[in-house]
Amino acid sequence: MLSYLVAIAIIGGIYSLLTLGLNLHYGFTGLINFGHVGFFALGAYASALLTLAGLPFVAGFAAAMAIAALVALPLGVLAIRLRDDYLAIVTLGFSEIIRIVITSEEWLTGGVQGLPGIPRPFSGLGVGGAEYAYLGLVIALNGLAFLLVHRLAASPFGRLIKAVRDNEVALVSLGKDPVGVKIRVFMIGAGLAGLAGALYAHYLTYLSPEQVIPLVTFYVWMAMIIGGTGRNAGVVLGAGILVLILEGSRFVRDLFPGVLDTEMASIRLAIIGLCLVLFVLFRPQGLIGDGVER
């Protein structure tokens, strides 16, 4: 049971990193990104392939962030001038392109067969020690990411970010460049998603296209909404609650002993959707705050 709880905590920390990046996009800047899982996938496969080639883990993590951020640059330049609804469509299409490329390029990614044998840090500590050490790494990286986003939001650049969200026309009238602000925010949030992908790849030690479907993006949106959009502490809390809902719904099967596995999957999704609906109805501002970072 203790090992299971540690595993849940690690996955929760990975979702927390993902949600911090999305909160930077939407909560602070107002950018509707429905393709967040695309940057997650880029980071996961980049770090996995580089470490399989013999590079150290630090290089893999750094490359995961850098590649995700660099891919976000041209995507941001192309899409950032679009209205919110079109930006959402473009980012969703981007994530699907990434998934299709992963599926098609079997020589590099393993395609639908997946990419096995990804090395995990701290493997020399034994099974139990490696789990605890990896949890410590995830917590440390979450702390650094939290501090980065918090300091960024409190800086003069952070005030520009919030101005883009609240009144972009007024920002332009003051001679500021909202497009440049959006692109930089897009890159930083994508880099955090890439780091989360690297942590995910090295924890599971296996990757396949089924792990980077659009549903992951909407889980992250769910975590942000539950915790409180625009609140760093809220989205971290929301990510933890999301993982508890996802894992807790597995035990619902005990209440339906005669239900098939395929039917049980639909019931789990219904329960997860119901939880989101209840949060939106009774706590639309999220668990923490009013949805606006002060």
C-alpha atoms as a PDB file:
ATOM      1  CA  MET A   1       0.000   0.000   0.000  1.00  0.00           C
ATOM      2  CA  LEU A   2       2.855   2.374   0.800  1.00  0.00           C
ATOM      3  CA  SER A   3       4.424   1.773  -2.613  1.00  0.00           C
ATOM      4  CA  TYR A   4       1.049   2.428  -4.232  1.00  0.00           C
ATOM      5  CA  LEU A   5       0.720   5.747  -2.379  1.00  0.00           C
ATOM      6  CA  VAL A   6       4.235   6.749  -3.443  1.00  0.00           C
ATOM      7  CA  ALA A   7       3.342   5.945  -7.055  1.00  0.00           C
ATOM      8  CA  ILE A   8       0.180   8.077  -6.803  1.00  0.00           C
ATOM      9  CA  ALA A   9       2.231  10.931  -5.325  1.00  0.00           C
ATOM     10  CA  ILE A  10       4.722  10.752  -8.206  1.00  0.00           C
ATOM     11  CA  ILE A  11       1.977  10.806 -10.849  1.00  0.00           C
ATOM     12  CA  GLY A  12       0.297  13.645  -8.943  1.00  0.00           C
ATOM     13  CA  GLY A  13       3.555  15.612  -9.021  1.00  0.00           C
ATOM     14  CA  ILE A  14       3.872  15.075 -12.773  1.00  0.00           C
ATOM     15  CA  TYR A  15       0.317  16.330 -13.298  1.00  0.00           C
ATOM     16  CA  SER A  16       1.125  19.264 -11.022  1.00  0.00           C
ATOM     17  CA  LEU A  17       3.966  20.325 -13.342  1.00  0.00           C
ATOM     18  CA  LEU A  18       1.665  19.993 -16.339  1.00  0.00           C
ATOM     19  CA  THR A  19      -1.024  22.061 -14.639  1.00  0.00           C
ATOM     20  CA  LEU A  20       1.415  24.800 -13.610  1.00  0.00           C
ATOM     21  CA  GLY A  21       2.382  25.179 -17.275  1.00  0.00           C
ATOM     22  CA  LEU A  22      -1.235  25.303 -18.425  1.00  0.00           C
ATOM     23  CA  ASN A  23      -2.105  27.758 -15.660  1.00  0.00           C
ATOM     24  CA  LEU A  24       0.640  30.028 -16.951  1.00  0.00           C
ATOM     25  CA  HIS A  25      -0.941  29.832 -20.404  1.00  0.00           C
ATOM     26  CA  TYR A  26      -4.582  30.252 -19.469  1.00  0.00           C
ATOM     27  CA  GLY A  27      -4.817  31.326 -15.836  1.00  0.00           C
ATOM     28  CA  PHE A  28      -2.340  34.186 -16.145  1.00  0.00           C
ATOM     29  CA  THR A  29      -2.377  35.048 -19.857  1.00  0.00           C
ATOM     30  CA  GLY A  30      -5.754  33.858 -21.117  1.00  0.00           C
ATOM     31  CA  LEU A  31      -4.353  31.581 -23.844  1.00  0.00           C
ATOM     32  CA  ILE A  32      -6.658  28.624 -24.534  1.00  0.00           C
ATOM     33  CA  ASN A  33      -4.302  25.712 -25.137  1.00  0.00           C
ATOM     34  CA  PHE A  34      -6.002  22.401 -25.961  1.00  0.00           C
ATOM     35  CA  GLY A  35      -2.748  20.838 -27.172  1.00  0.00           C
ATOM     36  CA  HIS A  36      -0.756  20.790 -23.940  1.00  0.00           C
ATOM     37  CA  VAL A  37      -0.214  17.044 -24.219  1.00  0.00           C
ATOM     38  CA  GLY A  38       1.773  17.645 -27.420  1.00  0.00           C
ATOM     39  CA  PHE A  39       4.546  19.380 -25.467  1.00  0.00           C
ATOM     40  CA  PHE A  40       4.310  16.650 -22.830  1.00  0.00           C
ATOM     41  CA  ALA A  41       4.852  14.037 -25.550  1.00  0.00           C
ATOM     42  CA  LEU A  42       7.798  15.899 -27.052  1.00  0.00           C
ATOM     43  CA  GLY A  43       9.526  16.094 -23.696  1.00  0.00           C
ATOM     44  CA  ALA A  44       8.835  12.447 -22.894  1.00  0.00           C
ATOM     45  CA  TYR A  45      10.190  11.056 -26.152  1.00  0.00           C
ATOM     46  CA  ALA A  46      13.102  13.495 -26.352  1.00  0.00           C
ATOM     47  CA  SER A  47      14.429  12.585 -22.917  1.00  0.00           C
ATOM     48  CA  ALA A  48      13.751   8.870 -23.414  1.00  0.00           C
ATOM     49  CA  LEU A  49      15.562   8.689 -26.757  1.00  0.00           C
ATOM     50  CA  LEU A  50      18.556  10.700 -25.563  1.00  0.00           C
ATOM     51  CA  THR A  51      19.061   8.646 -22.405  1.00  0.00           C
ATOM     52  CA  LEU A  52      18.631   5.420 -24.360  1.00  0.00           C
ATOM     53  CA  ALA A  53      21.444   6.726 -26.575  1.00  0.00           C
ATOM     54  CA  GLY A  54      23.684   7.001 -23.510  1.00  0.00           C
ATOM     55  CA  LEU A  55      23.307  10.640 -22.450  1.00  0.00           C
ATOM     56  CA  PRO A  56      22.914  11.439 -18.735  1.00  0.00           C
ATOM     57  CA  PHE A  57      19.500  12.124 -17.214  1.00  0.00           C
ATOM     58  CA  VAL A  58      20.263  15.804 -16.669  1.00  0.00           C
ATOM     59  CA  ALA A  59      20.863  16.207 -20.401  1.00  0.00           C
ATOM     60  CA  GLY A  60      17.620  14.378 -21.150  1.00  0.00           C
ATOM     61  CA  PHE A  61      15.574  16.607 -18.835  1.00  0.00           C
ATOM     62  CA  ALA A  62      17.200  19.757 -20.181  1.00  0.00           C
ATOM     63  CA  ALA A  63      16.603  18.656 -23.780  1.00  0.00           C
ATOM     64  CA  ALA A  64      12.968  17.835 -22.974  1.00  0.00           C
ATOM     65  CA  MET A  65      12.339  21.388 -21.786  1.00  0.00           C
ATOM     66  CA  ALA A  66      14.350  22.991 -24.572  1.00  0.00           C
ATOM     67  CA  ILE A  67      12.744  21.009 -27.413  1.00  0.00           C
ATOM     68  CA  ALA A  68       9.208  21.591 -26.110  1.00  0.00           C
ATOM     69  CA  ALA A  69       9.895  25.320 -25.731  1.00  0.00           C
ATOM     70  CA  LEU A  70      11.516  25.620 -29.159  1.00  0.00           C
ATOM     71  CA  VAL A  71       8.626  23.830 -30.871  1.00  0.00           C
ATOM     72  CA  ALA A  72       6.258  26.203 -29.053  1.00  0.00           C
ATOM     73  CA  LEU A  73       8.001  29.185 -30.670  1.00  0.00           C
ATOM     74  CA  PRO A  74       6.920  28.675 -34.311  1.00  0.00           C
ATOM     75  CA  LEU A  75       3.548  27.358 -33.171  1.00  0.00           C
ATOM     76  CA  GLY A  76       3.100  30.482 -31.104  1.00  0.00           C
ATOM     77  CA  VAL A  77       4.142  32.768 -33.944  1.00  0.00           C
ATOM     78  CA  LEU A  78       1.614  31.098 -36.256  1.00  0.00           C
ATOM     79  CA  ALA A  79      -1.266  30.763 -33.849  1.00  0.00           C
ATOM     80  CA  ILE A  80      -0.934  33.447 -31.197  1.00  0.00           C
ATOM     81  CA  ARG A  81      -2.624  36.157 -33.296  1.00  0.00           C
ATOM     82  CA  LEU A  82      -5.744  34.012 -33.627  1.00  0.00           C
ATOM     83  CA  ARG A  83      -8.883  34.482 -31.566  1.00  0.00           C
ATOM     84  CA  ASP A  84      -9.347  32.218 -28.581  1.00  0.00           C
ATOM     85  CA  ASP A  85     -11.513  29.642 -30.333  1.00  0.00           C
ATOM     86  CA  TYR A  86      -9.176  29.316 -33.329  1.00  0.00           C
ATOM     87  CA  LEU A  87      -6.129  29.121 -31.054  1.00  0.00           C
ATOM     88  CA  ALA A  88      -7.785  26.229 -29.214  1.00  0.00           C
ATOM     89  CA  ILE A  89      -8.389  24.403 -32.514  1.00  0.00           C
ATOM     90  CA  VAL A  90      -4.831  24.962 -33.749  1.00  0.00           C
ATOM     91  CA  THR A  91      -3.230  23.731 -30.521  1.00  0.00           C
ATOM     92  CA  LEU A  92      -5.497  20.666 -30.456  1.00  0.00           C
ATOM     93  CA  GLY A  93      -4.501  19.896 -34.058  1.00  0.00           C
ATOM     94  CA  PHE A  94      -0.841  20.347 -33.130  1.00  0.00           C
ATOM     95  CA  SER A  95      -1.050  17.723 -30.376  1.00  0.00           C
ATOM     96  CA  GLU A  96      -2.703  15.275 -32.760  1.00  0.00           C
ATOM     97  CA  ILE A  97       0.047  15.859 -35.350  1.00  0.00           C
ATOM     98  CA  ILE A  98       2.649  15.028 -32.705  1.00  0.00           C
ATOM     99  CA  ARG A  99       0.792  11.834 -31.790  1.00  0.00           C
ATOM    100  CA  ILE A 100       0.475  10.787 -35.448  1.00  0.00           C
ATOM    101  CA  VAL A 101       4.195  11.372 -36.032  1.00  0.00           C
ATOM    102  CA  ILE A 102       5.005   9.269 -32.964  1.00  0.00           C
ATOM    103  CA  THR A 103       2.755   6.508 -34.280  1.00  0.00           C
ATOM    104  CA  SER A 104       4.144   6.633 -37.819  1.00  0.00           C
ATOM    105  CA  GLU A 105       7.894   6.952 -37.205  1.00  0.00           C
ATOM    106  CA  GLU A 106       8.445   3.415 -35.927  1.00  0.00           C
ATOM    107  CA  TRP A 107      12.182   3.525 -36.635  1.00  0.00           C
ATOM    108  CA  LEU A 108      12.565   6.219 -33.978  1.00  0.00           C
ATOM    109  CA  THR A 109       9.684   5.929 -31.517  1.00  0.00           C
ATOM    110  CA  GLY A 110       8.641   2.294 -31.846  1.00  0.00           C
ATOM    111  CA  GLY A 111       5.247   3.332 -33.199  1.00  0.00           C
ATOM    112  CA  VAL A 112       2.253   1.534 -31.731  1.00  0.00           C
ATOM    113  CA  GLN A 113       4.595  -1.089 -30.240  1.00  0.00           C
ATOM    114  CA  GLY A 114       5.930   1.573 -27.925  1.00  0.00           C
ATOM    115  CA  LEU A 115       9.359   2.482 -26.632  1.00  0.00           C
ATOM    116  CA  PRO A 116      10.466   0.085 -23.835  1.00  0.00           C
ATOM    117  CA  GLY A 117      13.527  -0.031 -21.638  1.00  0.00           C
ATOM    118  CA  ILE A 118      13.730   3.662 -20.793  1.00  0.00           C
ATOM    119  CA  PRO A 119      16.248   4.023 -17.945  1.00  0.00           C
ATOM    120  CA  ARG A 120      15.083   5.276 -14.553  1.00  0.00           C
ATOM    121  CA  PRO A 121      17.240   7.418 -12.257  1.00  0.00           C
ATOM    122  CA  PHE A 122      18.355   6.033  -8.888  1.00  0.00           C
ATOM    123  CA  SER A 123      17.934   2.423 -10.061  1.00  0.00           C
ATOM    124  CA  GLY A 124      21.037   1.489  -8.066  1.00  0.00           C
ATOM    125  CA  LEU A 125      19.201   2.220  -4.799  1.00  0.00           C
ATOM    126  CA  GLY A 126      16.927  -0.808  -5.144  1.00  0.00           C
ATOM    127  CA  VAL A 127      13.198  -0.826  -5.797  1.00  0.00           C
ATOM    128  CA  GLY A 128      12.076   0.931  -2.605  1.00  0.00           C
ATOM    129  CA  GLY A 129      14.937   3.417  -2.481  1.00  0.00           C
ATOM    130  CA  ALA A 130      14.541   4.337  -6.141  1.00  0.00           C
ATOM    131  CA  GLU A 131      10.818   5.063  -5.636  1.00  0.00           C
ATOM    132  CA  TYR A 132      11.455   7.409  -2.695  1.00  0.00           C
ATOM    133  CA  ALA A 133      14.356   9.114  -4.451  1.00  0.00           C
ATOM    134  CA  TYR A 134      12.257   9.648  -7.563  1.00  0.00           C
ATOM    135  CA  LEU A 135       9.453  11.111  -5.451  1.00  0.00           C
ATOM    136  CA  GLY A 136      12.006  13.483  -3.921  1.00  0.00           C
ATOM    137  CA  LEU A 137      13.138  14.518  -7.418  1.00  0.00           C
ATOM    138  CA  VAL A 138       9.542  15.157  -8.522  1.00  0.00           C
ATOM    139  CA  ILE A 139       8.832  17.233  -5.400  1.00  0.00           C
ATOM    140  CA  ALA A 140      12.044  19.247  -5.842  1.00  0.00           C
ATOM    141  CA  LEU A 141      11.302  20.019  -9.491  1.00  0.00           C
ATOM    142  CA  ASN A 142       7.731  20.974  -8.581  1.00  0.00           C
ATOM    143  CA  GLY A 143       9.078  23.343  -5.949  1.00  0.00           C
ATOM    144  CA  LEU A 144      11.430  24.983  -8.447  1.00  0.00           C
ATOM    145  CA  ALA A 145       8.642  25.276 -11.056  1.00  0.00           C
ATOM    146  CA  PHE A 146       6.244  26.714  -8.474  1.00  0.00           C
ATOM    147  CA  LEU A 147       8.843  29.283  -7.427  1.00  0.00           C
ATOM    148  CA  LEU A 148       9.584  30.156 -11.063  1.00  0.00           C
ATOM    149  CA  VAL A 149       5.922  30.766 -11.935  1.00  0.00           C
ATOM    150  CA  HIS A 150       5.302  32.651  -8.679  1.00  0.00           C
ATOM    151  CA  ARG A 151       8.291  34.960  -9.168  1.00  0.00           C
ATOM    152  CA  LEU A 152       7.392  35.420 -12.806  1.00  0.00           C
ATOM    153  CA  ALA A 153       3.837  36.440 -11.892  1.00  0.00           C
ATOM    154  CA  ALA A 154       5.120  38.902  -9.274  1.00  0.00           C
ATOM    155  CA  SER A 155       7.644  40.526 -11.633  1.00  0.00           C
ATOM    156  CA  PRO A 156       7.040  43.454 -14.026  1.00  0.00           C
ATOM    157  CA  PHE A 157       6.738  40.869 -16.810  1.00  0.00           C
ATOM    158  CA  GLY A 158       4.038  39.195 -14.748  1.00  0.00           C
ATOM    159  CA  ARG A 159       2.044  42.416 -14.749  1.00  0.00           C
ATOM    160  CA  LEU A 160       2.302  42.454 -18.540  1.00  0.00           C
ATOM    161  CA  ILE A 161       1.008  38.876 -18.619  1.00  0.00           C
ATOM    162  CA  LYS A 162      -2.035  39.773 -16.537  1.00  0.00           C
ATOM    163  CA  ALA A 163      -2.619  42.878 -18.647  1.00  0.00           C
ATOM    164  CA  VAL A 164      -2.748  40.683 -21.755  1.00  0.00           C
ATOM    165  CA  ARG A 165      -5.397  38.571 -20.050  1.00  0.00           C
ATOM    166  CA  ASP A 166      -7.452  41.461 -18.690  1.00  0.00           C
ATOM    167  CA  ASN A 167      -7.277  44.141 -21.406  1.00  0.00           C
ATOM    168  CA  GLU A 168      -5.011  43.588 -24.385  1.00  0.00           C
ATOM    169  CA  VAL A 169      -6.233  46.759 -26.146  1.00  0.00           C
ATOM    170  CA  ALA A 170      -5.169  48.922 -23.219  1.00  0.00           C
ATOM    171  CA  LEU A 171      -1.757  47.222 -23.228  1.00  0.00           C
ATOM    172  CA  VAL A 172      -1.274  48.050 -26.919  1.00  0.00           C
ATOM    173  CA  SER A 173      -2.249  51.672 -26.264  1.00  0.00           C
ATOM    174  CA  LEU A 174       0.624  51.875 -23.773  1.00  0.00           C
ATOM    175  CA  GLY A 175       3.087  50.836 -26.475  1.00  0.00           C
ATOM    176  CA  LYS A 176       3.615  47.262 -25.264  1.00  0.00           C
ATOM    177  CA  ASP A 177       3.817  44.189 -27.495  1.00  0.00           C
ATOM    178  CA  PRO A 178       1.251  41.589 -26.393  1.00  0.00           C
ATOM    179  CA  VAL A 179       2.301  39.144 -29.126  1.00  0.00           C
ATOM    180  CA  GLY A 180       5.854  38.946 -27.784  1.00  0.00           C
ATOM    181  CA  VAL A 181       4.533  38.454 -24.251  1.00  0.00           C
ATOM    182  CA  LYS A 182       2.228  35.633 -25.356  1.00  0.00           C
ATOM    183  CA  ILE A 183       4.963  33.824 -27.255  1.00  0.00           C
ATOM    184  CA  ARG A 184       7.354  33.901 -24.284  1.00  0.00           C
ATOM    185  CA  VAL A 185       4.649  32.645 -21.939  1.00  0.00           C
ATOM    186  CA  PHE A 186       3.746  29.941 -24.443  1.00  0.00           C
ATOM    187  CA  MET A 187       7.357  28.762 -24.513  1.00  0.00           C
ATOM    188  CA  ILE A 188       7.788  28.736 -20.729  1.00  0.00           C
ATOM    189  CA  GLY A 189       4.573  26.772 -20.179  1.00  0.00           C
ATOM    190  CA  ALA A 190       5.562  24.325 -22.921  1.00  0.00           C
ATOM    191  CA  GLY A 191       8.956  23.838 -21.273  1.00  0.00           C
ATOM    192  CA  LEU A 192       7.264  22.857 -18.000  1.00  0.00           C
ATOM    193  CA  ALA A 193       5.083  20.385 -19.909  1.00  0.00           C
ATOM    194  CA  GLY A 194       8.205  18.937 -21.558  1.00  0.00           C
ATOM    195  CA  LEU A 195       9.823  18.460 -18.147  1.00  0.00           C
ATOM    196  CA  ALA A 196       6.683  16.694 -16.909  1.00  0.00           C
ATOM    197  CA  GLY A 197       6.863  14.412 -19.939  1.00  0.00           C
ATOM    198  CA  ALA A 198      10.477  13.527 -19.191  1.00  0.00           C
ATOM    199  CA  LEU A 199       9.613  12.644 -15.592  1.00  0.00           C
ATOM    200  CA  TYR A 200       6.698  10.529 -16.809  1.00  0.00           C
ATOM    201  CA  ALA A 201       8.835   8.639 -19.344  1.00  0.00           C
ATOM    202  CA  HIS A 202      11.597   7.789 -16.884  1.00  0.00           C
ATOM    203  CA  TYR A 203       9.158   6.759 -14.174  1.00  0.00           C
ATOM    204  CA  LEU A 204       7.091   4.344 -16.284  1.00  0.00           C
ATOM    205  CA  THR A 205      10.158   3.316 -18.388  1.00  0.00           C
ATOM    206  CA  TYR A 206       7.806   2.764 -21.348  1.00  0.00           C
ATOM    207  CA  LEU A 207       6.089   5.097 -23.817  1.00  0.00           C
ATOM    208  CA  SER A 208       3.392   4.562 -26.446  1.00  0.00           C
ATOM    209  CA  PRO A 209       1.100   6.852 -28.481  1.00  0.00           C
ATOM    210  CA  GLU A 210      -1.891   5.836 -26.314  1.00  0.00           C
ATOM    211  CA  GLN A 211      -0.310   7.697 -23.390  1.00  0.00           C
ATOM    212  CA  VAL A 212      -0.364  11.078 -25.142  1.00  0.00           C
ATOM    213  CA  ILE A 213      -3.983  11.349 -26.299  1.00  0.00           C
ATOM    214  CA  PRO A 214      -6.015  14.602 -26.008  1.00  0.00           C
ATOM    215  CA  LEU A 215      -7.746  13.247 -22.899  1.00  0.00           C
ATOM    216  CA  VAL A 216      -4.548  14.032 -20.962  1.00  0.00           C
ATOM    217  CA  THR A 217      -4.917  17.712 -21.847  1.00  0.00           C
ATOM    218  CA  PHE A 218      -8.478  17.781 -20.621  1.00  0.00           C
ATOM    219  CA  TYR A 219      -7.473  16.055 -17.388  1.00  0.00           C
ATOM    220  CA  VAL A 220      -5.018  18.903 -16.837  1.00  0.00           C
ATOM    221  CA  TRP A 221      -7.763  21.439 -17.573  1.00  0.00           C
ATOM    222  CA  MET A 222      -9.897  19.617 -15.029  1.00  0.00           C
ATOM    223  CA  ALA A 223      -7.137  19.897 -12.402  1.00  0.00           C
ATOM    224  CA  MET A 224      -6.782  23.628 -13.046  1.00  0.00           C
ATOM    225  CA  ILE A 225     -10.543  24.233 -12.800  1.00  0.00           C
ATOM    226  CA  ILE A 226     -10.836  22.196  -9.591  1.00  0.00           C
ATOM    227  CA  GLY A 227      -7.989  24.023  -7.870  1.00  0.00           C
ATOM    228  CA  GLY A 228      -8.711  27.536  -9.084  1.00  0.00           C
ATOM    229  CA  THR A 229      -7.651  29.142 -12.343  1.00  0.00           C
ATOM    230  CA  GLY A 230      -4.866  31.655 -11.853  1.00  0.00           C
ATOM    231  CA  ARG A 231      -3.827  30.297  -8.454  1.00  0.00           C
ATOM    232  CA  ASN A 232      -0.546  28.405  -8.293  1.00  0.00           C
ATOM    233  CA  ALA A 233      -1.350  26.724  -4.983  1.00  0.00           C
ATOM    234  CA  GLY A 234      -4.823  25.946  -6.296  1.00  0.00           C
ATOM    235  CA  VAL A 235      -3.665  24.161  -9.430  1.00  0.00           C
ATOM    236  CA  VAL A 236      -1.177  22.059  -7.448  1.00  0.00           C
ATOM    237  CA  LEU A 237      -4.003  21.080  -5.099  1.00  0.00           C
ATOM    238  CA  GLY A 238      -6.262  20.455  -8.093  1.00  0.00           C
ATOM    239  CA  ALA A 239      -3.692  18.131  -9.655  1.00  0.00           C
ATOM    240  CA  GLY A 240      -3.538  16.115  -6.458  1.00  0.00           C
ATOM    241  CA  ILE A 241      -7.322  15.857  -6.246  1.00  0.00           C
ATOM    242  CA  LEU A 242      -7.512  14.884  -9.924  1.00  0.00           C
ATOM    243  CA  VAL A 243      -5.159  11.947  -9.401  1.00  0.00           C
ATOM    244  CA  LEU A 244      -7.134  10.886  -6.330  1.00  0.00           C
ATOM    245  CA  ILE A 245     -10.343  10.953  -8.389  1.00  0.00           C
ATOM    246  CA  LEU A 246      -8.732   9.006 -11.245  1.00  0.00           C
ATOM    247  CA  GLU A 247      -7.268   6.387  -8.936  1.00  0.00           C
ATOM    248  CA  GLY A 248     -10.218   6.264  -6.568  1.00  0.00           C
ATOM    249  CA  SER A 249     -12.607   5.584  -9.424  1.00  0.00           C
ATOM    250  CA  ARG A 250     -10.759   2.290 -10.026  1.00  0.00           C
ATOM    251  CA  PHE A 251     -12.206   0.908  -6.807  1.00  0.00           C
ATOM    252  CA  VAL A 252     -15.753   1.594  -7.970  1.00  0.00           C
ATOM    253  CA  ARG A 253     -15.492  -1.727  -9.784  1.00  0.00           C
ATOM    254  CA  ASP A 254     -16.082  -3.464  -6.456  1.00  0.00           C
ATOM    255  CA  LEU A 255     -19.605  -2.001  -6.507  1.00  0.00           C
ATOM    256  CA  PHE A 256     -20.307  -3.514  -9.958  1.00  0.00           C
ATOM    257  CA  PRO A 257     -19.039  -7.112  -9.820  1.00  0.00           C
ATOM    258  CA  GLY A 258     -20.781  -8.220 -13.024  1.00  0.00           C
ATOM    259  CA  VAL A 259     -19.700  -5.296 -15.212  1.00  0.00           C
ATOM    260  CA  LEU A 260     -17.265  -5.917 -18.091  1.00  0.00           C
ATOM    261  CA  ASP A 261     -13.945  -4.068 -18.258  1.00  0.00           C
ATOM    262  CA  THR A 262     -15.046  -2.068 -21.302  1.00  0.00           C
ATOM    263  CA  GLU A 263     -18.215  -0.988 -19.533  1.00  0.00           C
ATOM    264  CA  MET A 264     -16.285  -0.158 -16.383  1.00  0.00           C
ATOM    265  CA  ALA A 265     -14.099   2.266 -18.331  1.00  0.00           C
ATOM    266  CA  SER A 266     -17.208   4.174 -19.382  1.00  0.00           C
ATOM    267  CA  ILE A 267     -18.482   4.226 -15.795  1.00  0.00           C
ATOM    268  CA  ARG A 268     -15.156   5.623 -14.588  1.00  0.00           C
ATOM    269  CA  LEU A 269     -15.278   8.396 -17.174  1.00  0.00           C
ATOM    270  CA  ALA A 270     -18.851   9.176 -16.129  1.00  0.00           C
ATOM    271  CA  ILE A 271     -17.776   9.457 -12.485  1.00  0.00           C
ATOM    272  CA  ILE A 272     -14.844  11.704 -13.393  1.00  0.00           C
ATOM    273  CA  GLY A 273     -17.134  13.893 -15.510  1.00  0.00           C
ATOM    274  CA  LEU A 274     -19.692  14.073 -12.708  1.00  0.00           C
ATOM    275  CA  CYS A 275     -17.015  15.240 -10.265  1.00  0.00           C
ATOM    276  CA  LEU A 276     -16.021  18.020 -12.657  1.00  0.00           C
ATOM    277  CA  VAL A 277     -19.650  19.087 -13.140  1.00  0.00           C
ATOM    278  CA  LEU A 278     -20.178  19.215  -9.372  1.00  0.00           C
ATOM    279  CA  PHE A 279     -17.060  21.342  -8.897  1.00  0.00           C
ATOM    280  CA  VAL A 280     -18.166  23.761 -11.619  1.00  0.00           C
ATOM    281  CA  LEU A 281     -21.681  24.015 -10.153  1.00  0.00           C
ATOM    282  CA  PHE A 282     -20.812  24.430  -6.492  1.00  0.00           C
ATOM    283  CA  ARG A 283     -17.316  25.902  -6.611  1.00  0.00           C
ATOM    284  CA  PRO A 284     -16.843  27.558 -10.036  1.00  0.00           C
ATOM    285  CA  GLN A 285     -13.929  29.676  -8.782  1.00  0.00           C
ATOM    286  CA  GLY A 286     -12.047  26.564  -7.693  1.00  0.00           C
ATOM    287  CA  LEU A 287     -11.067  25.398  -4.239  1.00  0.00           C
ATOM    288  CA  ILE A 288      -8.672  28.283  -3.622  1.00  0.00           C
ATOM    289  CA  GLY A 289      -9.492  31.915  -4.229  1.00  0.00           C
ATOM    290  CA  ASP A 290     -11.633  33.693  -6.753  1.00  0.00           C
ATOM    291  CA  GLY A 291      -9.728  32.531  -9.835  1.00  0.00           C
ATOM    292  CA  VAL A 292      -7.534  35.646 -10.114  1.00  0.00           C
ATOM    293  CA  GLU A 293      -3.951  35.682  -8.888  1.00  0.00           C
ATOM    294  CA  ARG A 294      -3.323  38.688  -6.612  1.00  0.00           C
END
